[in-house]
């Protein structure tokens, strides 16, 4: 079962468009609604949620549920709610009718909309669960979608133009054509705002509308582990850990021995998915192709000048 947790703010397109365009499976959608703010803000967000609820069902065939976040500015409460909700959905997916050992179900958390307190609370909760539950780490995804444009800037530009037009009207200098033009533009912008929210479209970045966040490690990197990460960053993928060990021995001007190879294997294992998560490996016959994970690439990039 593929479950998407979607905090609903004042956006429509980037909460559903990436799923349609990327042809992602969505079996279940949980729409989070904020209950704090002006009456107009709350009602507008609810209207967006109702539209999303309908379209998740009609366009993606997803079961939908709307959940209220009582206070969108209470980070601690939002974190607790997110932690419980994500764990419950992991349990539901793992025990669902369509769950199998090969496909136990996944939870996707979209943090594109809603106040930052809620988005960060849900992203941090997802991250915490990834760190705690090693076996379920690949079943949790946190992602963001950028809009193609923000309507606020166009609304502001039109408002400035309308201010100038009203000033002309006040001074008795009325241009009927200008009035008609600005009236039509304002009506179109308001219709688009009511239909799509504050942003329009879902922007494609590096070939995808979904920018997934990697899980970071809470553990420090030892000096020898640093050497391994830098070597993988410099040379890319190695066909086997033995090849990596030979390359490291050459760089360090050390003899390549069984002991040195074992040391590399041990540290690569510590850096792998079951450890700090900076290295990925794929079985290739009796060997394991070894390369940096996404967070490993970021670590090397961030520490490259040290």
Protein backbone atom coordinates (compact mmCIF):
# COMPACT_ATOMS: atom_id res chain seq x y z
CA UNK A 1 0.00 0.00 0.00
CA UNK A 2 1.30 3.41 -1.00
CA UNK A 3 0.15 6.07 1.50
CA UNK A 4 0.72 9.79 0.96
CA UNK A 5 0.54 12.20 3.91
CA UNK A 6 -0.25 15.66 2.55
CA UNK A 7 -0.32 18.78 4.76
CA UNK A 8 -2.80 21.12 3.04
CA UNK A 9 -2.14 24.84 3.03
CA UNK A 10 -3.08 27.21 0.20
CA UNK A 11 -1.69 25.10 -2.65
CA UNK A 12 -3.35 22.63 -4.99
CA UNK A 13 -1.17 21.78 -8.00
CA UNK A 14 2.03 20.75 -6.24
CA UNK A 15 0.17 18.49 -3.83
CA UNK A 16 -1.30 16.26 -6.53
CA UNK A 17 0.27 17.16 -9.90
CA UNK A 18 3.66 15.48 -9.19
CA UNK A 19 1.90 12.22 -8.32
CA UNK A 20 -0.04 12.30 -11.58
CA UNK A 21 2.92 13.34 -13.71
CA UNK A 22 5.33 10.85 -12.14
CA UNK A 23 2.62 8.13 -12.35
CA UNK A 24 3.14 7.22 -8.71
CA UNK A 25 0.82 4.72 -7.07
CA UNK A 26 -1.41 6.27 -4.42
CA UNK A 27 -3.62 3.82 -2.55
CA UNK A 28 -4.35 6.08 0.39
CA UNK A 29 -4.09 9.85 0.95
CA UNK A 30 -4.20 11.55 4.35
CA UNK A 31 -4.96 15.26 3.99
CA UNK A 32 -3.91 17.37 6.98
CA UNK A 33 -5.97 20.50 7.63
CA UNK A 34 -4.94 23.35 9.90
CA UNK A 35 -7.52 24.72 12.31
CA UNK A 36 -5.76 27.94 13.31
CA UNK A 37 -5.80 31.31 11.57
CA UNK A 38 -8.40 33.75 10.31
CA UNK A 39 -11.82 32.39 9.40
CA UNK A 40 -11.13 33.17 5.74
CA UNK A 41 -7.78 31.32 5.83
CA UNK A 42 -9.28 28.26 7.48
CA UNK A 43 -12.20 28.12 5.06
CA UNK A 44 -9.94 28.57 2.05
CA UNK A 45 -7.67 25.74 3.21
CA UNK A 46 -10.70 23.52 3.79
CA UNK A 47 -11.96 24.28 0.29
CA UNK A 48 -8.60 23.23 -1.14
CA UNK A 49 -8.73 20.06 1.00
CA UNK A 50 -12.19 19.20 -0.31
CA UNK A 51 -11.03 19.62 -3.88
CA UNK A 52 -7.92 17.51 -3.24
CA UNK A 53 -10.03 14.84 -1.54
CA UNK A 54 -12.26 14.60 -4.60
CA UNK A 55 -9.38 14.58 -7.09
CA UNK A 56 -7.27 12.05 -5.17
CA UNK A 57 -10.27 9.74 -5.46
CA UNK A 58 -11.21 10.52 -9.06
CA UNK A 59 -7.76 10.94 -10.64
CA UNK A 60 -5.73 8.46 -8.59
CA UNK A 61 -8.35 6.09 -7.22
CA UNK A 62 -7.08 6.66 -3.69
CA UNK A 63 -8.88 6.13 -0.43
CA UNK A 64 -8.79 9.51 1.33
CA UNK A 65 -8.97 10.71 4.91
CA UNK A 66 -8.92 14.26 6.25
CA UNK A 67 -7.16 14.82 9.58
CA UNK A 68 -7.15 18.05 11.58
CA UNK A 69 -3.95 19.56 13.01
CA UNK A 70 -5.38 21.46 15.97
CA UNK A 71 -2.64 24.09 16.28
CA UNK A 72 -0.38 24.54 13.24
CA UNK A 73 2.07 26.59 15.34
CA UNK A 74 2.54 23.98 18.09
CA UNK A 75 5.64 22.15 16.85
CA UNK A 76 5.74 19.61 19.68
CA UNK A 77 2.13 18.54 19.22
CA UNK A 78 2.57 18.36 15.43
CA UNK A 79 5.69 16.20 15.86
CA UNK A 80 3.85 13.81 18.18
CA UNK A 81 0.90 13.62 15.79
CA UNK A 82 3.22 12.99 12.84
CA UNK A 83 5.20 10.33 14.71
CA UNK A 84 2.05 8.42 15.66
CA UNK A 85 0.43 8.83 12.26
CA UNK A 86 3.44 7.65 10.23
CA UNK A 87 3.99 4.64 12.48
CA UNK A 88 0.30 3.74 12.24
CA UNK A 89 0.44 3.93 8.44
CA UNK A 90 3.57 1.76 8.37
CA UNK A 91 1.69 -0.83 10.44
CA UNK A 92 -1.36 -0.53 8.21
CA UNK A 93 0.71 -0.93 5.02
CA UNK A 94 2.61 -3.88 6.41
CA UNK A 95 -0.59 -5.65 7.33
CA UNK A 96 -2.73 -4.59 4.36
CA UNK A 97 -4.29 -6.90 1.82
CA UNK A 98 -1.76 -5.91 -0.85
CA UNK A 99 1.28 -6.08 1.43
CA UNK A 100 3.93 -8.68 0.67
CA UNK A 101 7.47 -9.36 1.85
CA UNK A 102 8.69 -7.80 -1.40
CA UNK A 103 6.29 -4.83 -1.20
CA UNK A 104 5.27 -4.20 2.44
CA UNK A 105 3.85 -0.75 1.74
CA UNK A 106 5.38 2.73 1.88
CA UNK A 107 4.59 6.11 3.41
CA UNK A 108 5.30 9.32 1.48
CA UNK A 109 5.27 12.66 3.33
CA UNK A 110 4.81 15.78 1.19
CA UNK A 111 6.17 18.88 2.99
CA UNK A 112 5.47 21.41 0.21
CA UNK A 113 2.58 23.23 1.88
CA UNK A 114 1.15 24.25 5.26
CA UNK A 115 2.97 26.43 7.85
CA UNK A 116 6.64 25.55 8.28
CA UNK A 117 6.08 24.32 11.85
CA UNK A 118 3.90 21.49 10.55
CA UNK A 119 6.09 20.71 7.54
CA UNK A 120 9.27 20.58 9.64
CA UNK A 121 7.54 18.58 12.37
CA UNK A 122 6.39 15.94 9.90
CA UNK A 123 9.76 15.86 8.11
CA UNK A 124 11.65 15.51 11.40
CA UNK A 125 9.27 12.83 12.67
CA UNK A 126 9.70 10.86 9.44
CA UNK A 127 13.48 11.24 9.74
CA UNK A 128 13.42 10.06 13.36
CA UNK A 129 11.45 6.95 12.47
CA UNK A 130 13.88 6.20 9.62
CA UNK A 131 16.76 6.31 12.09
CA UNK A 132 14.96 4.23 14.72
CA UNK A 133 13.52 1.56 12.42
CA UNK A 134 16.33 0.32 10.22
CA UNK A 135 14.18 -2.42 8.65
CA UNK A 136 11.54 0.14 7.61
CA UNK A 137 13.92 2.88 6.49
CA UNK A 138 13.27 2.30 2.78
CA UNK A 139 9.52 2.44 3.34
CA UNK A 140 9.48 6.12 4.36
CA UNK A 141 9.96 9.02 1.95
CA UNK A 142 9.92 12.76 2.62
CA UNK A 143 9.66 15.00 -0.43
CA UNK A 144 9.05 18.51 -1.72
CA UNK A 145 7.68 19.89 -4.99
CA UNK A 146 8.48 23.40 -6.20
CA UNK A 147 5.78 25.46 -7.96
CA UNK A 148 6.18 26.78 -11.47
CA UNK A 149 5.05 30.23 -10.36
CA UNK A 150 3.68 32.09 -7.33
CA UNK A 151 0.38 33.92 -7.83
CA UNK A 152 1.12 36.41 -5.03
CA UNK A 153 3.51 38.38 -7.23
CA UNK A 154 1.01 38.64 -10.08
CA UNK A 155 -1.76 39.61 -7.66
CA UNK A 156 0.50 42.29 -6.16
CA UNK A 157 1.40 43.67 -9.60
CA UNK A 158 -2.25 43.86 -10.59
CA UNK A 159 -3.14 45.52 -7.28
CA UNK A 160 -0.50 48.20 -7.92
CA UNK A 161 -1.93 48.77 -11.39
CA UNK A 162 -5.44 49.02 -9.94
CA UNK A 163 -4.22 51.61 -7.41
CA UNK A 164 -2.95 53.73 -10.29
CA UNK A 165 -6.22 53.29 -12.15
CA UNK A 166 -8.28 54.28 -9.11
CA UNK A 167 -6.11 57.37 -8.68
CA UNK A 168 -6.92 58.35 -12.27
CA UNK A 169 -10.62 57.78 -11.63
CA UNK A 170 -10.43 59.96 -8.52
CA UNK A 171 -8.81 62.72 -10.55
CA UNK A 172 -11.51 62.46 -13.21
CA UNK A 173 -9.23 60.92 -15.84
CA UNK A 174 -11.19 57.77 -16.74
CA UNK A 175 -9.97 55.44 -19.50
CA UNK A 176 -12.79 52.98 -20.16
CA UNK A 177 -10.50 50.59 -22.06
CA UNK A 178 -8.03 50.50 -19.16
CA UNK A 179 -10.86 49.81 -16.71
CA UNK A 180 -12.10 46.90 -18.83
CA UNK A 181 -8.58 45.51 -19.23
CA UNK A 182 -7.75 45.59 -15.52
CA UNK A 183 -11.18 44.25 -14.58
CA UNK A 184 -10.68 41.25 -16.85
CA UNK A 185 -7.15 40.63 -15.54
CA UNK A 186 -8.27 40.86 -11.92
CA UNK A 187 -11.17 38.48 -12.53
CA UNK A 188 -8.88 35.94 -14.22
CA UNK A 189 -6.33 36.11 -11.40
CA UNK A 190 -8.98 35.68 -8.72
CA UNK A 191 -10.49 32.73 -10.58
CA UNK A 192 -7.05 31.11 -10.82
CA UNK A 193 -6.40 31.82 -7.14
CA UNK A 194 -9.71 30.26 -6.12
CA UNK A 195 -9.05 27.21 -8.31
CA UNK A 196 -5.37 26.56 -7.63
CA UNK A 197 -4.31 28.41 -4.52
CA UNK A 198 -1.25 30.61 -4.08
CA UNK A 199 0.98 28.63 -6.47
CA UNK A 200 0.57 27.25 -9.98
CA UNK A 201 2.01 24.09 -11.47
CA UNK A 202 4.65 21.63 -10.31
CA UNK A 203 8.18 22.40 -11.42
CA UNK A 204 10.41 19.64 -12.79
CA UNK A 205 13.87 19.59 -11.17
CA UNK A 206 16.58 17.27 -12.51
CA UNK A 207 14.03 15.19 -14.39
CA UNK A 208 11.53 14.77 -11.57
CA UNK A 209 8.68 16.68 -9.95
CA UNK A 210 9.51 15.03 -6.61
CA UNK A 211 12.58 16.17 -4.66
CA UNK A 212 13.12 13.46 -2.06
CA UNK A 213 15.07 14.22 1.12
CA UNK A 214 17.66 11.63 2.21
CA UNK A 215 17.86 10.43 5.79
CA UNK A 216 20.88 11.80 7.66
CA UNK A 217 22.92 9.92 10.24
CA UNK A 218 23.16 10.99 13.86
CA UNK A 219 26.63 9.42 14.17
CA UNK A 220 30.07 10.92 13.68
CA UNK A 221 32.42 9.70 10.95
CA UNK A 222 35.75 8.22 12.04
CA UNK A 223 39.01 9.23 10.28
CA UNK A 224 39.36 5.94 8.34
CA UNK A 225 35.70 6.14 7.37
CA UNK A 226 36.40 9.64 6.05
CA UNK A 227 39.11 8.22 3.77
CA UNK A 228 36.62 5.71 2.37
CA UNK A 229 33.99 8.38 1.74
CA UNK A 230 36.45 10.73 0.04
CA UNK A 231 37.74 7.87 -2.14
CA UNK A 232 34.22 6.96 -3.23
CA UNK A 233 33.51 10.62 -3.86
CA UNK A 234 36.66 10.95 -5.97
CA UNK A 235 36.48 7.72 -7.97
CA UNK A 236 32.78 6.87 -7.91
CA UNK A 237 31.48 3.31 -7.79
CA UNK A 238 33.76 0.31 -7.21
CA UNK A 239 32.85 -3.13 -8.50
CA UNK A 240 33.84 -4.72 -5.19
CA UNK A 241 35.04 -3.82 -1.72
CA UNK A 242 38.33 -5.54 -2.59
CA UNK A 243 38.86 -3.09 -5.47
CA UNK A 244 38.12 -0.22 -3.11
CA UNK A 245 40.59 -1.63 -0.55
CA UNK A 246 43.32 -1.97 -3.20
CA UNK A 247 42.80 1.63 -4.31
CA UNK A 248 42.93 2.89 -0.73
CA UNK A 249 46.09 0.88 0.01
CA UNK A 250 47.76 2.41 -3.04
CA UNK A 251 46.75 5.94 -1.98
CA UNK A 252 48.04 5.37 1.56
CA UNK A 253 51.19 3.64 0.31
CA UNK A 254 50.32 0.60 2.42
CA UNK A 255 50.65 -3.07 1.58
CA UNK A 256 47.38 -4.66 0.47
CA UNK A 257 46.90 -7.53 2.91
CA UNK A 258 43.98 -9.61 4.16
CA UNK A 259 44.09 -7.56 7.34
CA UNK A 260 43.82 -4.27 5.45
CA UNK A 261 41.01 -5.66 3.28
CA UNK A 262 39.13 -6.79 6.40
CA UNK A 263 39.53 -3.33 7.89
CA UNK A 264 37.99 -1.77 4.78
CA UNK A 265 35.13 -4.30 4.74
CA UNK A 266 34.41 -3.59 8.42
CA UNK A 267 34.32 0.17 7.93
CA UNK A 268 32.27 -0.02 4.73
CA UNK A 269 29.77 -2.11 6.65
CA UNK A 270 29.62 0.56 9.38
CA UNK A 271 28.99 3.17 6.69
CA UNK A 272 26.32 1.07 4.95
CA UNK A 273 22.51 0.95 5.20
CA UNK A 274 22.63 -0.95 8.50
CA UNK A 275 24.96 1.65 10.00
CA UNK A 276 25.46 5.30 9.18
CA UNK A 277 23.81 5.18 5.77
CA UNK A 278 26.54 6.96 3.78
CA UNK A 279 27.30 4.00 1.48
CA UNK A 280 25.11 1.82 -0.74
CA UNK A 281 25.93 -1.68 -2.00
CA UNK A 282 24.42 -4.00 -4.62
CA UNK A 283 25.16 -7.70 -4.83
CA UNK A 284 27.09 -8.54 -8.01
CA UNK A 285 27.89 -12.24 -8.02
CA UNK A 286 30.11 -12.82 -5.02
CA UNK A 287 31.07 -9.16 -4.90
CA UNK A 288 29.24 -6.00 -3.88
CA UNK A 289 29.27 -2.87 -5.99
CA UNK A 290 29.99 -0.05 -3.57
CA UNK A 291 29.14 3.64 -3.96
CA UNK A 292 28.05 6.68 -1.99
CA UNK A 293 24.40 7.04 -1.04
CA UNK A 294 22.67 10.36 -1.59
CA UNK A 295 23.45 11.52 1.96
CA UNK A 296 27.01 10.23 1.47
CA UNK A 297 27.37 12.41 -1.62
CA UNK A 298 26.11 15.37 0.38
CA UNK A 299 28.56 14.61 3.20
CA UNK A 300 31.51 14.55 0.79
CA UNK A 301 30.32 17.73 -0.88
CA UNK A 302 29.95 19.53 2.45
CA UNK A 303 33.33 18.37 3.81
CA UNK A 304 35.33 18.48 0.60
CA UNK A 305 37.23 21.67 1.50
CA UNK A 306 38.32 20.46 4.94
